Amino acid sequence: MAKKKQTRHKSALKAGRQALKRWLRNRDIKKSVRSAVRAVVDAAKAKDVGRIAEMTAKASAVLDKAAQSGVLHWKAAARKKSRLAAQARKLVASAAAK
């Protein structure tokens, strides 16, 4: 005869609960990173120099927080910050030249 299915261990249930909490937190942090980066890109497309600087600073802070909490690797966050800053610098320089 087939054996009855046993219940899951308490530790497995707790691990599942913890994984769900981490997944939800990570999802929210990643979404905030994407929206902050998108705000910089939108400001760049609109060629709004003042807003670009403001949004770049906010995006840098969000990326640092994501790296600090372990959602993003710190080098990945640094790379994204560097690329955003370079893009912003390029746009500000082209706006100043005009």
Foldseek 3Di string as FASTA:
>chain_A
DDDDDDDDDPVVVVVVVVVVVVVVVLVVLVVVLVVLLVQLVVCLVVLPLVSNVVSLVVNLVSLVVCCVVPSDPPVVSVVSSVVSVVSSVVSVVVVVVD
